[in-house]
Amino acid sequence: MKSKKDTTKSKKGAMKPKKDTLQFISQGLMREKIPNTYESIVVAAREARRINLNNKMLGTQEDRETKVTTEALERLLDDKLHYTLKPKK
């Protein structure tokens, strides 16, 4: 009798992790870019939304090798994002 794992097929278009991506992003790495961890996550989330919207408009959503959240965090850590934080009132 075959187990359930043997009969299941992988999802079409499943994300494949890139070999050079970080598996875990520590808060320390995030704080090096933006001192407040919450603000750094908000910046990365907005970039992920922008990437996702762009992919939907171009129709390339299925062709992705990495998740948009991973790509957004990598862009933040590689200083490829330009952002402005609003001053506190």
N, C-alpha and C. Protein backbone atom coordinates (compact mmCIF):
# COMPACT_ATOMS: atom_id res chain seq x y z
N MET A 1 0.84 -1.18 0.00
CA MET A 1 0.00 0.00 0.00
C MET A 1 0.89 1.24 0.00
N LYS A 2 0.60 2.14 -0.89
CA LYS A 2 1.39 3.36 -0.99
C LYS A 2 0.89 4.38 0.03
N SER A 3 1.83 5.13 0.52
CA SER A 3 1.43 6.17 1.47
C SER A 3 0.90 7.36 0.71
N LYS A 4 0.28 8.27 1.44
CA LYS A 4 -0.30 9.46 0.83
C LYS A 4 0.77 10.33 0.17
N LYS A 5 1.97 10.35 0.74
CA LYS A 5 3.05 11.14 0.18
C LYS A 5 3.46 10.66 -1.20
N ASP A 6 3.38 9.36 -1.43
CA ASP A 6 3.79 8.80 -2.71
C ASP A 6 2.84 9.16 -3.84
N THR A 7 1.58 9.39 -3.53
CA THR A 7 0.58 9.62 -4.56
C THR A 7 0.30 11.10 -4.82
N THR A 8 0.74 11.97 -3.95
CA THR A 8 0.46 13.39 -4.15
C THR A 8 1.47 13.99 -5.11
N LYS A 9 0.98 14.86 -5.94
CA LYS A 9 1.85 15.55 -6.89
C LYS A 9 2.12 16.95 -6.38
N SER A 10 3.24 17.49 -6.80
CA SER A 10 3.55 18.86 -6.38
C SER A 10 2.63 19.83 -7.10
N LYS A 11 2.38 20.93 -6.47
CA LYS A 11 1.51 21.95 -7.04
C LYS A 11 2.19 22.56 -8.27
N LYS A 12 1.40 22.83 -9.25
CA LYS A 12 1.92 23.47 -10.45
C LYS A 12 2.28 24.92 -10.11
N GLY A 13 3.45 25.32 -10.48
CA GLY A 13 3.88 26.69 -10.21
C GLY A 13 4.33 26.91 -8.79
N ALA A 14 4.67 25.86 -8.07
CA ALA A 14 5.12 26.01 -6.69
C ALA A 14 6.43 26.78 -6.65
N MET A 15 6.60 27.56 -5.61
CA MET A 15 7.80 28.38 -5.47
C MET A 15 9.00 27.50 -5.14
N LYS A 16 10.10 27.71 -5.83
CA LYS A 16 11.33 26.99 -5.56
C LYS A 16 12.30 27.95 -4.88
N PRO A 17 12.84 27.58 -3.74
CA PRO A 17 13.77 28.50 -3.06
C PRO A 17 15.06 28.65 -3.85
N LYS A 18 15.52 29.89 -3.96
CA LYS A 18 16.80 30.13 -4.61
C LYS A 18 17.90 29.64 -3.69
N LYS A 19 19.01 29.23 -4.26
CA LYS A 19 20.08 28.65 -3.47
C LYS A 19 20.81 29.68 -2.64
N ASP A 20 20.81 30.94 -3.05
CA ASP A 20 21.56 31.96 -2.33
C ASP A 20 20.70 32.84 -1.44
N THR A 21 19.45 32.45 -1.18
CA THR A 21 18.58 33.25 -0.32
C THR A 21 18.77 32.85 1.14
N LEU A 22 18.51 33.79 2.01
CA LEU A 22 18.59 33.51 3.44
C LEU A 22 17.35 32.72 3.86
N GLN A 23 17.54 31.72 4.66
CA GLN A 23 16.42 30.94 5.16
C GLN A 23 15.77 31.61 6.37
N PHE A 24 16.56 32.40 7.08
CA PHE A 24 16.07 33.09 8.28
C PHE A 24 16.64 34.50 8.30
N ILE A 25 15.80 35.47 8.46
CA ILE A 25 16.25 36.87 8.54
C ILE A 25 16.03 37.33 9.96
N SER A 26 17.11 37.60 10.66
CA SER A 26 17.01 37.97 12.07
C SER A 26 16.59 39.43 12.22
N GLN A 27 16.11 39.75 13.40
CA GLN A 27 15.75 41.14 13.69
C GLN A 27 16.98 42.03 13.65
N GLY A 28 18.13 41.47 13.99
CA GLY A 28 19.37 42.24 13.95
C GLY A 28 19.69 42.73 12.55
N LEU A 29 19.50 41.87 11.56
CA LEU A 29 19.72 42.28 10.17
C LEU A 29 18.75 43.38 9.76
N MET A 30 17.52 43.25 10.20
CA MET A 30 16.51 44.26 9.86
C MET A 30 16.82 45.59 10.54
N ARG A 31 17.29 45.52 11.79
CA ARG A 31 17.60 46.76 12.53
C ARG A 31 18.81 47.48 11.97
N GLU A 32 19.69 46.77 11.26
CA GLU A 32 20.82 47.44 10.63
C GLU A 32 20.35 48.40 9.54
N LYS A 33 19.24 48.08 8.89
CA LYS A 33 18.71 48.92 7.81
C LYS A 33 17.77 49.99 8.35
N ILE A 34 16.85 49.58 9.22
CA ILE A 34 15.89 50.50 9.83
C ILE A 34 15.85 50.15 11.31
N PRO A 35 16.13 51.11 12.19
CA PRO A 35 16.23 50.81 13.63
C PRO A 35 14.97 50.17 14.23
N ASN A 36 13.81 50.51 13.75
CA ASN A 36 12.57 49.98 14.29
C ASN A 36 12.16 48.76 13.45
N THR A 37 12.09 47.59 14.07
CA THR A 37 11.76 46.35 13.36
C THR A 37 10.38 46.43 12.71
N TYR A 38 9.41 47.01 13.40
CA TYR A 38 8.06 47.14 12.86
C TYR A 38 8.07 47.95 11.58
N GLU A 39 8.78 49.07 11.58
CA GLU A 39 8.83 49.93 10.39
C GLU A 39 9.51 49.22 9.22
N SER A 40 10.55 48.42 9.51
CA SER A 40 11.22 47.70 8.43
C SER A 40 10.30 46.66 7.80
N ILE A 41 9.47 46.02 8.60
CA ILE A 41 8.52 45.05 8.08
C ILE A 41 7.44 45.74 7.25
N VAL A 42 7.00 46.91 7.68
CA VAL A 42 6.01 47.67 6.92
C VAL A 42 6.58 48.07 5.56
N VAL A 43 7.84 48.52 5.53
CA VAL A 43 8.48 48.90 4.28
C VAL A 43 8.56 47.69 3.35
N ALA A 44 8.97 46.54 3.87
CA ALA A 44 9.08 45.33 3.06
C ALA A 44 7.71 44.87 2.58
N ALA A 45 6.69 44.98 3.41
CA ALA A 45 5.34 44.56 3.03
C ALA A 45 4.79 45.44 1.91
N ARG A 46 5.05 46.73 1.98
CA ARG A 46 4.60 47.62 0.91
C ARG A 46 5.32 47.33 -0.40
N GLU A 47 6.60 46.98 -0.32
CA GLU A 47 7.33 46.59 -1.52
C GLU A 47 6.78 45.29 -2.09
N ALA A 48 6.44 44.34 -1.23
CA ALA A 48 5.86 43.08 -1.69
C ALA A 48 4.53 43.32 -2.39
N ARG A 49 3.71 44.21 -1.86
CA ARG A 49 2.45 44.56 -2.51
C ARG A 49 2.69 45.17 -3.88
N ARG A 50 3.70 46.04 -3.97
CA ARG A 50 4.03 46.69 -5.24
C ARG A 50 4.49 45.65 -6.26
N ILE A 51 5.34 44.73 -5.84
CA ILE A 51 5.83 43.67 -6.73
C ILE A 51 4.67 42.80 -7.19
N ASN A 52 3.81 42.43 -6.26
CA ASN A 52 2.66 41.57 -6.56
C ASN A 52 1.72 42.24 -7.56
N LEU A 53 1.43 43.52 -7.36
CA LEU A 53 0.56 44.25 -8.26
C LEU A 53 1.18 44.35 -9.65
N ASN A 54 2.49 44.61 -9.70
CA ASN A 54 3.20 44.69 -10.97
C ASN A 54 3.14 43.36 -11.71
N ASN A 55 3.33 42.26 -10.99
CA ASN A 55 3.28 40.93 -11.60
C ASN A 55 1.88 40.59 -12.11
N LYS A 56 0.86 41.01 -11.38
CA LYS A 56 -0.51 40.76 -11.82
C LYS A 56 -0.82 41.53 -13.09
N MET A 57 -0.34 42.77 -13.18
CA MET A 57 -0.58 43.57 -14.37
C MET A 57 0.15 43.00 -15.59
N LEU A 58 1.35 42.47 -15.38
CA LEU A 58 2.13 41.91 -16.47
C LEU A 58 1.76 40.47 -16.79
N GLY A 59 1.05 39.81 -15.87
CA GLY A 59 0.65 38.43 -16.07
C GLY A 59 1.77 37.44 -15.81
N THR A 60 2.73 37.82 -14.98
CA THR A 60 3.87 36.93 -14.71
C THR A 60 3.81 36.34 -13.31
N GLN A 61 2.64 36.27 -12.74
CA GLN A 61 2.48 35.79 -11.37
C GLN A 61 2.91 34.32 -11.24
N GLU A 62 2.62 33.50 -12.22
CA GLU A 62 2.92 32.07 -12.16
C GLU A 62 4.40 31.77 -12.40
N ASP A 63 5.14 32.68 -13.02
CA ASP A 63 6.51 32.41 -13.42
C ASP A 63 7.54 32.74 -12.33
N ARG A 64 7.13 33.02 -11.13
CA ARG A 64 8.03 33.46 -10.07
C ARG A 64 8.87 32.31 -9.53
N GLU A 65 10.15 32.58 -9.30
CA GLU A 65 11.02 31.59 -8.67
C GLU A 65 10.99 31.73 -7.15
N THR A 66 10.84 32.97 -6.66
CA THR A 66 10.80 33.22 -5.22
C THR A 66 9.49 33.92 -4.87
N LYS A 67 9.13 33.86 -3.62
CA LYS A 67 7.94 34.56 -3.16
C LYS A 67 8.20 36.06 -3.17
N VAL A 68 7.14 36.83 -3.32
CA VAL A 68 7.30 38.28 -3.37
C VAL A 68 7.76 38.82 -2.02
N THR A 69 7.36 38.20 -0.93
CA THR A 69 7.81 38.67 0.38
C THR A 69 9.31 38.46 0.56
N THR A 70 9.81 37.33 0.08
CA THR A 70 11.24 37.06 0.15
C THR A 70 12.01 38.07 -0.70
N GLU A 71 11.51 38.34 -1.90
CA GLU A 71 12.16 39.30 -2.78
C GLU A 71 12.16 40.70 -2.17
N ALA A 72 11.06 41.09 -1.55
CA ALA A 72 10.98 42.41 -0.92
C ALA A 72 11.97 42.53 0.24
N LEU A 73 12.08 41.49 1.07
CA LEU A 73 13.04 41.51 2.17
C LEU A 73 14.48 41.55 1.66
N GLU A 74 14.75 40.81 0.59
CA GLU A 74 16.10 40.85 0.01
C GLU A 74 16.43 42.24 -0.53
N ARG A 75 15.46 42.88 -1.17
CA ARG A 75 15.69 44.24 -1.68
C ARG A 75 15.95 45.22 -0.54
N LEU A 76 15.25 45.05 0.56
CA LEU A 76 15.47 45.92 1.72
C LEU A 76 16.87 45.70 2.29
N LEU A 77 17.27 44.45 2.43
CA LEU A 77 18.58 44.16 3.01
C LEU A 77 19.73 44.53 2.08
N ASP A 78 19.48 44.52 0.77
CA ASP A 78 20.51 44.87 -0.21
C ASP A 78 20.53 46.37 -0.55
N ASP A 79 19.78 47.17 0.18
CA ASP A 79 19.69 48.62 -0.04
C ASP A 79 19.20 48.96 -1.44
N LYS A 80 18.28 48.18 -1.97
CA LYS A 80 17.71 48.46 -3.28
C LYS A 80 16.37 49.18 -3.18
N LEU A 81 15.89 49.39 -1.96
CA LEU A 81 14.62 50.10 -1.74
C LEU A 81 14.90 51.53 -1.32
N HIS A 82 14.15 52.44 -1.89
CA HIS A 82 14.23 53.83 -1.46
C HIS A 82 12.89 54.16 -0.79
N TYR A 83 12.95 54.57 0.43
CA TYR A 83 11.74 54.81 1.21
C TYR A 83 11.93 56.07 2.05
N THR A 84 10.80 56.66 2.43
CA THR A 84 10.81 57.82 3.31
C THR A 84 9.81 57.56 4.42
N LEU A 85 10.26 57.67 5.64
CA LEU A 85 9.37 57.49 6.78
C LEU A 85 8.81 58.85 7.18
N LYS A 86 7.49 58.89 7.41
CA LYS A 86 6.87 60.13 7.81
C LYS A 86 7.27 60.46 9.24
N PRO A 87 7.52 61.74 9.52
CA PRO A 87 7.86 62.11 10.90
C PRO A 87 6.68 61.91 11.83
N LYS A 88 6.97 61.56 13.07
CA LYS A 88 5.91 61.35 14.06
C LYS A 88 5.31 62.70 14.45
N LYS A 89 4.01 62.70 14.69
CA LYS A 89 3.32 63.95 15.08
C LYS A 89 3.41 64.20 16.54
